[in-house]
């Protein structure tokens, strides 16, 4: 893979975890000093936050289109935009009680800001 293709997604790979961190902090701030919101459909406010984030990236694309996008778009493919930032967030693992060694828990977590 060329250096160009590897560097094509760097900006998006940095921005997504940063935005997720800021958004999650805003959720926590919005709940400060208020009664804990009720669970909805069995999901806590934190779980609903992470589910909404992941749902934003829900896609279904043919392999041919994925190959095209990888070579044209300065963002990672949607599944990596969802799973990458979430698997780096200890708050995600805590919200869903993910155990160490789970595919959604990285042993070496990256952190932006």
C-alpha atoms as a PDB file:
ATOM      1  CA  UNK A   1       0.000   0.000   0.000  1.00  0.00           C
ATOM      2  CA  UNK A   2       1.363   3.390  -0.895  1.00  0.00           C
ATOM      3  CA  UNK A   3       2.180   6.075   1.654  1.00  0.00           C
ATOM      4  CA  UNK A   4      -0.544   8.192   0.035  1.00  0.00           C
ATOM      5  CA  UNK A   5      -3.260   5.625   0.714  1.00  0.00           C
ATOM      6  CA  UNK A   6      -2.149   5.062   4.298  1.00  0.00           C
ATOM      7  CA  UNK A   7      -2.097   8.797   4.993  1.00  0.00           C
ATOM      8  CA  UNK A   8      -5.464   9.390   3.284  1.00  0.00           C
ATOM      9  CA  UNK A   9      -7.448   8.429   6.412  1.00  0.00           C
ATOM     10  CA  UNK A  10      -5.229   9.955   9.114  1.00  0.00           C
ATOM     11  CA  UNK A  11      -7.384  13.068   9.602  1.00  0.00           C
ATOM     12  CA  UNK A  12     -10.603  11.101  10.002  1.00  0.00           C
ATOM     13  CA  UNK A  13      -8.912   8.585  12.245  1.00  0.00           C
ATOM     14  CA  UNK A  14      -7.905  11.393  14.599  1.00  0.00           C
ATOM     15  CA  UNK A  15     -11.125  13.427  14.394  1.00  0.00           C
ATOM     16  CA  UNK A  16     -13.589  10.612  15.139  1.00  0.00           C
ATOM     17  CA  UNK A  17     -12.167   9.613  18.560  1.00  0.00           C
ATOM     18  CA  UNK A  18     -11.735  13.274  19.470  1.00  0.00           C
ATOM     19  CA  UNK A  19     -15.331  14.081  18.603  1.00  0.00           C
ATOM     20  CA  UNK A  20     -16.578  11.011  20.457  1.00  0.00           C
ATOM     21  CA  UNK A  21     -14.653  12.085  23.574  1.00  0.00           C
ATOM     22  CA  UNK A  22     -16.100  15.611  23.443  1.00  0.00           C
ATOM     23  CA  UNK A  23     -19.631  14.352  22.791  1.00  0.00           C
ATOM     24  CA  UNK A  24     -19.454  11.860  25.665  1.00  0.00           C
ATOM     25  CA  UNK A  25     -18.192  14.592  28.016  1.00  0.00           C
ATOM     26  CA  UNK A  26     -21.163  16.740  26.937  1.00  0.00           C
ATOM     27  CA  UNK A  27     -23.552  13.871  27.755  1.00  0.00           C
ATOM     28  CA  UNK A  28     -22.030  13.510  31.214  1.00  0.00           C
ATOM     29  CA  UNK A  29     -22.161  17.284  31.778  1.00  0.00           C
ATOM     30  CA  UNK A  30     -25.815  17.421  30.705  1.00  0.00           C
ATOM     31  CA  UNK A  31     -26.734  14.846  33.360  1.00  0.00           C
ATOM     32  CA  UNK A  32     -24.834  16.542  36.206  1.00  0.00           C
ATOM     33  CA  UNK A  33     -26.966  17.504  39.188  1.00  0.00           C
ATOM     34  CA  UNK A  34     -30.088  15.926  37.731  1.00  0.00           C
ATOM     35  CA  UNK A  35     -31.889  12.718  38.627  1.00  0.00           C
ATOM     36  CA  UNK A  36     -30.473   9.760  36.708  1.00  0.00           C
ATOM     37  CA  UNK A  37     -32.471   9.282  33.485  1.00  0.00           C
ATOM     38  CA  UNK A  38     -34.448   6.072  33.295  1.00  0.00           C
ATOM     39  CA  UNK A  39     -33.297   3.157  31.222  1.00  0.00           C
ATOM     40  CA  UNK A  40     -35.147   2.904  27.920  1.00  0.00           C
ATOM     41  CA  UNK A  41     -35.711  -0.538  26.428  1.00  0.00           C
ATOM     42  CA  UNK A  42     -33.212  -1.827  28.998  1.00  0.00           C
ATOM     43  CA  UNK A  43     -30.408   0.534  27.903  1.00  0.00           C
ATOM     44  CA  UNK A  44     -28.730   3.110  30.134  1.00  0.00           C
ATOM     45  CA  UNK A  45     -28.149   6.659  28.851  1.00  0.00           C
ATOM     46  CA  UNK A  46     -24.479   5.766  28.271  1.00  0.00           C
ATOM     47  CA  UNK A  47     -25.369   2.639  26.319  1.00  0.00           C
ATOM     48  CA  UNK A  48     -27.868   4.585  24.207  1.00  0.00           C
ATOM     49  CA  UNK A  49     -25.185   7.193  23.483  1.00  0.00           C
ATOM     50  CA  UNK A  50     -22.761   4.551  22.194  1.00  0.00           C
ATOM     51  CA  UNK A  51     -25.473   2.705  20.268  1.00  0.00           C
ATOM     52  CA  UNK A  52     -26.470   5.963  18.542  1.00  0.00           C
ATOM     53  CA  UNK A  53     -22.836   6.633  17.654  1.00  0.00           C
ATOM     54  CA  UNK A  54     -22.430   3.160  16.142  1.00  0.00           C
ATOM     55  CA  UNK A  55     -25.790   3.325  14.385  1.00  0.00           C
ATOM     56  CA  UNK A  56     -24.613   6.472  12.624  1.00  0.00           C
ATOM     57  CA  UNK A  57     -22.022   4.332  10.796  1.00  0.00           C
ATOM     58  CA  UNK A  58     -24.305   1.398   9.943  1.00  0.00           C
ATOM     59  CA  UNK A  59     -23.762   0.608   6.271  1.00  0.00           C
ATOM     60  CA  UNK A  60     -23.980  -2.227   3.831  1.00  0.00           C
ATOM     61  CA  UNK A  61     -21.731  -1.990   0.809  1.00  0.00           C
ATOM     62  CA  UNK A  62     -20.470  -4.329  -1.832  1.00  0.00           C
ATOM     63  CA  UNK A  63     -16.762  -5.219  -1.702  1.00  0.00           C
ATOM     64  CA  UNK A  64     -16.211  -3.461  -5.045  1.00  0.00           C
ATOM     65  CA  UNK A  65     -17.606  -0.210  -3.665  1.00  0.00           C
ATOM     66  CA  UNK A  66     -15.572  -0.573  -0.455  1.00  0.00           C
ATOM     67  CA  UNK A  67     -12.392  -0.889  -2.562  1.00  0.00           C
ATOM     68  CA  UNK A  68     -13.372   2.221  -4.500  1.00  0.00           C
ATOM     69  CA  UNK A  69     -14.055   4.199  -1.307  1.00  0.00           C
ATOM     70  CA  UNK A  70     -10.762   3.130   0.286  1.00  0.00           C
ATOM     71  CA  UNK A  71      -8.922   4.691  -2.636  1.00  0.00           C
ATOM     72  CA  UNK A  72     -10.990   7.890  -2.844  1.00  0.00           C
ATOM     73  CA  UNK A  73     -12.385   8.924   0.527  1.00  0.00           C
ATOM     74  CA  UNK A  74     -10.219  10.592   3.197  1.00  0.00           C
ATOM     75  CA  UNK A  75     -12.147   8.714   5.904  1.00  0.00           C
ATOM     76  CA  UNK A  76     -11.882   5.131   7.124  1.00  0.00           C
ATOM     77  CA  UNK A  77     -14.640   2.726   6.120  1.00  0.00           C
ATOM     78  CA  UNK A  78     -17.728   3.050   8.306  1.00  0.00           C
ATOM     79  CA  UNK A  79     -17.147  -0.145  10.297  1.00  0.00           C
ATOM     80  CA  UNK A  80     -13.726   1.145  11.346  1.00  0.00           C
ATOM     81  CA  UNK A  81     -15.174   4.576  12.166  1.00  0.00           C
ATOM     82  CA  UNK A  82     -17.554   2.837  14.580  1.00  0.00           C
ATOM     83  CA  UNK A  83     -15.453   0.040  16.041  1.00  0.00           C
ATOM     84  CA  UNK A  84     -12.121   1.862  16.219  1.00  0.00           C
ATOM     85  CA  UNK A  85     -13.072   4.774  18.481  1.00  0.00           C
ATOM     86  CA  UNK A  86     -15.465   2.688  20.588  1.00  0.00           C
ATOM     87  CA  UNK A  87     -12.945  -0.070  21.245  1.00  0.00           C
ATOM     88  CA  UNK A  88     -10.528   2.583  22.513  1.00  0.00           C
ATOM     89  CA  UNK A  89     -12.999   4.050  25.036  1.00  0.00           C
ATOM     90  CA  UNK A  90     -12.890   2.627  28.558  1.00  0.00           C
ATOM     91  CA  UNK A  91     -16.319   4.246  29.055  1.00  0.00           C
ATOM     92  CA  UNK A  92     -17.722   2.046  26.286  1.00  0.00           C
ATOM     93  CA  UNK A  93     -16.278  -1.101  27.864  1.00  0.00           C
ATOM     94  CA  UNK A  94     -17.693  -0.044  31.229  1.00  0.00           C
ATOM     95  CA  UNK A  95     -21.148   0.779  29.822  1.00  0.00           C
ATOM     96  CA  UNK A  96     -21.473  -2.668  28.236  1.00  0.00           C
ATOM     97  CA  UNK A  97     -19.414  -4.603  30.800  1.00  0.00           C
ATOM     98  CA  UNK A  98     -16.977  -5.741  28.097  1.00  0.00           C
ATOM     99  CA  UNK A  99     -14.334  -8.007  29.543  1.00  0.00           C
ATOM    100  CA  UNK A 100     -10.614  -7.763  28.869  1.00  0.00           C
ATOM    101  CA  UNK A 101      -9.827  -9.772  25.757  1.00  0.00           C
ATOM    102  CA  UNK A 102     -13.166  -8.944  24.147  1.00  0.00           C
ATOM    103  CA  UNK A 103     -12.919  -7.794  20.504  1.00  0.00           C
ATOM    104  CA  UNK A 104     -14.278  -4.397  21.576  1.00  0.00           C
ATOM    105  CA  UNK A 105     -11.641  -3.845  24.278  1.00  0.00           C
ATOM    106  CA  UNK A 106      -8.162  -2.895  23.150  1.00  0.00           C
ATOM    107  CA  UNK A 107      -5.286  -3.787  25.414  1.00  0.00           C
ATOM    108  CA  UNK A 108      -3.307  -0.830  24.078  1.00  0.00           C
ATOM    109  CA  UNK A 109      -5.728   2.057  23.819  1.00  0.00           C
ATOM    110  CA  UNK A 110      -5.071   5.140  21.783  1.00  0.00           C
ATOM    111  CA  UNK A 111      -6.144   8.433  23.291  1.00  0.00           C
ATOM    112  CA  UNK A 112      -6.663  11.789  21.657  1.00  0.00           C
ATOM    113  CA  UNK A 113      -6.690  14.782  23.971  1.00  0.00           C
END
